[in-house]
């Protein structure tokens, strides 16, 4: 009877764990609606920003003039043939990537950083002015110290109904 031992073949799964993880990584991403303001990758040393060219069909020449003086350059669709983007088909901005009164513009990173630093300093100066104004209101009977100043901000979206107030 010992000679009649039946040999059974064991089948093992030789798929590695990395192959299993690779399968899970290649799954399709969930669908999301496309953004109207997608932009191609900016070239090195530049960053992109959408700027207002028109509002309700009326050219915003003052805004465009200001942005050009700040160093912004309109981005042409022909410069990015691999990127499917809507472009303006008439007027002085013909061929520029644009949608809904906005055009895509590029600006050197140094200029953008300098601009951000300027506006950060402007905001800080305004806050310092408010603090100084508050400190002038200090009274010896109830003195204010700089450590007494507390700030909080709250951002709300949408309009308020008259029924919400009260």
Protein backbone atom coordinates (compact mmCIF):
# COMPACT_ATOMS: atom_id res chain seq x y z
CA UNK A 1 0.00 0.00 0.00
CA UNK A 2 2.87 2.36 0.65
CA UNK A 3 3.97 1.93 -2.94
CA UNK A 4 0.65 3.23 -4.15
CA UNK A 5 1.04 6.67 -2.62
CA UNK A 6 -0.60 9.14 -4.86
CA UNK A 7 1.45 12.16 -5.48
CA UNK A 8 -0.55 15.34 -5.58
CA UNK A 9 0.72 18.35 -7.32
CA UNK A 10 0.44 21.57 -5.42
CA UNK A 11 -0.19 24.57 -7.60
CA UNK A 12 1.11 27.75 -6.11
CA UNK A 13 0.39 31.25 -7.23
CA UNK A 14 3.72 32.82 -8.11
CA UNK A 15 2.42 36.35 -8.65
CA UNK A 16 4.50 38.73 -6.65
CA UNK A 17 2.99 41.30 -4.35
CA UNK A 18 4.49 44.06 -6.47
CA UNK A 19 2.49 42.80 -9.46
CA UNK A 20 -0.68 42.89 -7.39
CA UNK A 21 0.05 46.43 -6.22
CA UNK A 22 0.84 47.48 -9.77
CA UNK A 23 -2.62 46.27 -10.82
CA UNK A 24 -4.23 48.38 -8.12
CA UNK A 25 -2.16 51.42 -9.12
CA UNK A 26 -3.24 51.21 -12.76
CA UNK A 27 -6.93 51.34 -11.93
CA UNK A 28 -8.75 54.19 -13.54
CA UNK A 29 -9.19 57.39 -11.59
CA UNK A 30 -12.70 58.41 -10.62
CA UNK A 31 -14.34 60.78 -13.08
CA UNK A 32 -14.26 64.47 -12.27
CA UNK A 33 -15.62 67.29 -14.40
CA UNK A 34 -12.93 69.08 -16.41
CA UNK A 35 -11.79 72.47 -15.21
CA UNK A 36 -12.36 75.40 -17.53
CA UNK A 37 -9.07 76.88 -16.35
CA UNK A 38 -6.67 74.01 -16.96
CA UNK A 39 -3.29 75.19 -18.20
CA UNK A 40 -0.21 73.51 -19.64
CA UNK A 41 2.98 73.16 -17.62
CA UNK A 42 4.75 76.54 -17.41
CA UNK A 43 8.26 76.73 -18.88
CA UNK A 44 11.17 76.83 -16.40
CA UNK A 45 11.52 80.23 -14.77
CA UNK A 46 7.90 81.22 -15.48
CA UNK A 47 4.52 80.72 -13.91
CA UNK A 48 1.08 80.99 -15.49
CA UNK A 49 -1.82 83.08 -14.33
CA UNK A 50 -5.26 83.76 -15.77
CA UNK A 51 -5.86 87.49 -16.25
CA UNK A 52 -9.07 89.32 -17.14
CA UNK A 53 -9.22 90.49 -20.75
CA UNK A 54 -12.91 91.35 -20.91
CA UNK A 55 -16.02 91.48 -18.76
CA UNK A 56 -19.44 90.74 -20.23
CA UNK A 57 -18.07 91.20 -23.73
CA UNK A 58 -16.47 94.60 -23.01
CA UNK A 59 -12.68 94.80 -23.29
CA UNK A 60 -10.91 95.54 -20.02
CA UNK A 61 -8.09 97.55 -21.55
CA UNK A 62 -6.98 99.12 -18.27
CA UNK A 63 -6.49 95.71 -16.61
CA UNK A 64 -4.65 94.30 -19.63
CA UNK A 65 -2.43 97.38 -19.83
CA UNK A 66 -1.64 97.13 -16.12
CA UNK A 67 -0.77 93.41 -16.35
CA UNK A 68 1.46 93.95 -19.40
CA UNK A 69 3.33 96.69 -17.50
CA UNK A 70 3.71 94.26 -14.56
CA UNK A 71 5.52 91.82 -16.86
CA UNK A 72 2.77 89.42 -17.97
CA UNK A 73 2.90 88.05 -21.52
CA UNK A 74 -0.10 86.37 -23.19
CA UNK A 75 0.43 82.65 -23.90
CA UNK A 76 -0.22 81.61 -27.51
CA UNK A 77 -1.90 78.28 -28.25
CA UNK A 78 0.62 77.53 -31.01
CA UNK A 79 3.40 77.48 -28.39
CA UNK A 80 1.73 74.44 -26.76
CA UNK A 81 0.56 72.17 -29.62
CA UNK A 82 0.23 69.12 -27.31
CA UNK A 83 -2.19 70.95 -25.00
CA UNK A 84 -5.82 71.06 -26.08
CA UNK A 85 -7.04 74.49 -25.01
CA UNK A 86 -9.60 76.99 -26.21
CA UNK A 87 -8.09 80.01 -27.89
CA UNK A 88 -9.37 83.41 -28.92
CA UNK A 89 -10.24 83.42 -32.63
CA UNK A 90 -10.58 87.16 -33.34
CA UNK A 91 -9.30 90.56 -32.23
CA UNK A 92 -5.88 91.63 -31.06
CA UNK A 93 -5.50 88.52 -28.86
CA UNK A 94 -6.18 86.10 -31.71
CA UNK A 95 -4.41 82.77 -31.07
CA UNK A 96 -3.98 83.38 -27.33
CA UNK A 97 -5.23 80.70 -24.91
CA UNK A 98 -8.37 82.14 -23.39
CA UNK A 99 -11.80 81.28 -22.04
CA UNK A 100 -14.71 83.33 -20.70
CA UNK A 101 -13.01 86.73 -20.78
CA UNK A 102 -9.79 85.40 -19.24
CA UNK A 103 -6.50 84.85 -21.04
CA UNK A 104 -3.56 82.77 -19.93
CA UNK A 105 -0.42 84.81 -19.31
CA UNK A 106 3.08 83.96 -18.19
CA UNK A 107 5.25 85.98 -15.86
CA UNK A 108 8.81 85.36 -14.64
CA UNK A 109 8.86 83.64 -11.23
CA UNK A 110 11.07 86.42 -9.79
CA UNK A 111 8.52 89.07 -10.84
CA UNK A 112 5.63 87.07 -9.34
CA UNK A 113 7.54 86.58 -6.07
CA UNK A 114 8.44 90.27 -5.92
CA UNK A 115 4.78 91.20 -6.54
CA UNK A 116 3.59 88.83 -3.80
CA UNK A 117 6.20 90.21 -1.37
CA UNK A 118 5.03 93.76 -2.15
CA UNK A 119 1.38 92.97 -1.42
CA UNK A 120 2.30 91.00 1.71
CA UNK A 121 4.15 94.09 2.97
CA UNK A 122 1.17 96.31 2.07
CA UNK A 123 -1.17 94.07 4.09
CA UNK A 124 1.26 94.01 7.04
CA UNK A 125 1.49 97.81 6.99
CA UNK A 126 -2.30 98.09 7.03
CA UNK A 127 -2.57 95.73 10.01
CA UNK A 128 0.19 97.62 11.84
CA UNK A 129 -1.72 100.87 11.23
CA UNK A 130 -4.90 99.40 12.70
CA UNK A 131 -2.92 98.17 15.72
CA UNK A 132 -1.36 101.61 16.27
CA UNK A 133 -4.77 103.23 15.98
CA UNK A 134 -6.16 100.83 18.58
CA UNK A 135 -3.23 101.43 20.94
CA UNK A 136 -3.91 105.20 20.79
CA UNK A 137 -7.31 104.48 22.31
CA UNK A 138 -5.64 102.95 25.37
CA UNK A 139 -6.72 104.59 28.60
CA UNK A 140 -4.74 104.55 31.87
CA UNK A 141 -7.84 103.26 33.64
CA UNK A 142 -7.92 100.25 31.29
CA UNK A 143 -4.62 100.04 29.43
CA UNK A 144 -4.13 97.98 26.27
CA UNK A 145 -1.01 95.93 25.70
CA UNK A 146 0.09 94.53 22.34
CA UNK A 147 -0.54 91.04 23.75
CA UNK A 148 -4.22 92.00 24.24
CA UNK A 149 -4.76 92.23 20.48
CA UNK A 150 -6.34 89.10 19.10
CA UNK A 151 -7.23 88.53 15.48
CA UNK A 152 -9.50 86.09 13.76
CA UNK A 153 -10.84 85.96 10.25
CA UNK A 154 -13.94 84.34 8.87
CA UNK A 155 -14.73 83.75 5.24
CA UNK A 156 -18.29 83.16 4.12
CA UNK A 157 -19.57 82.36 0.66
CA UNK A 158 -22.96 83.12 -0.78
CA UNK A 159 -25.50 85.72 0.13
CA UNK A 160 -27.33 85.96 3.39
CA UNK A 161 -31.09 85.68 3.48
CA UNK A 162 -32.98 88.25 5.52
CA UNK A 163 -34.42 85.33 7.51
CA UNK A 164 -30.87 84.35 8.60
CA UNK A 165 -30.36 87.67 10.36
CA UNK A 166 -32.06 88.46 13.58
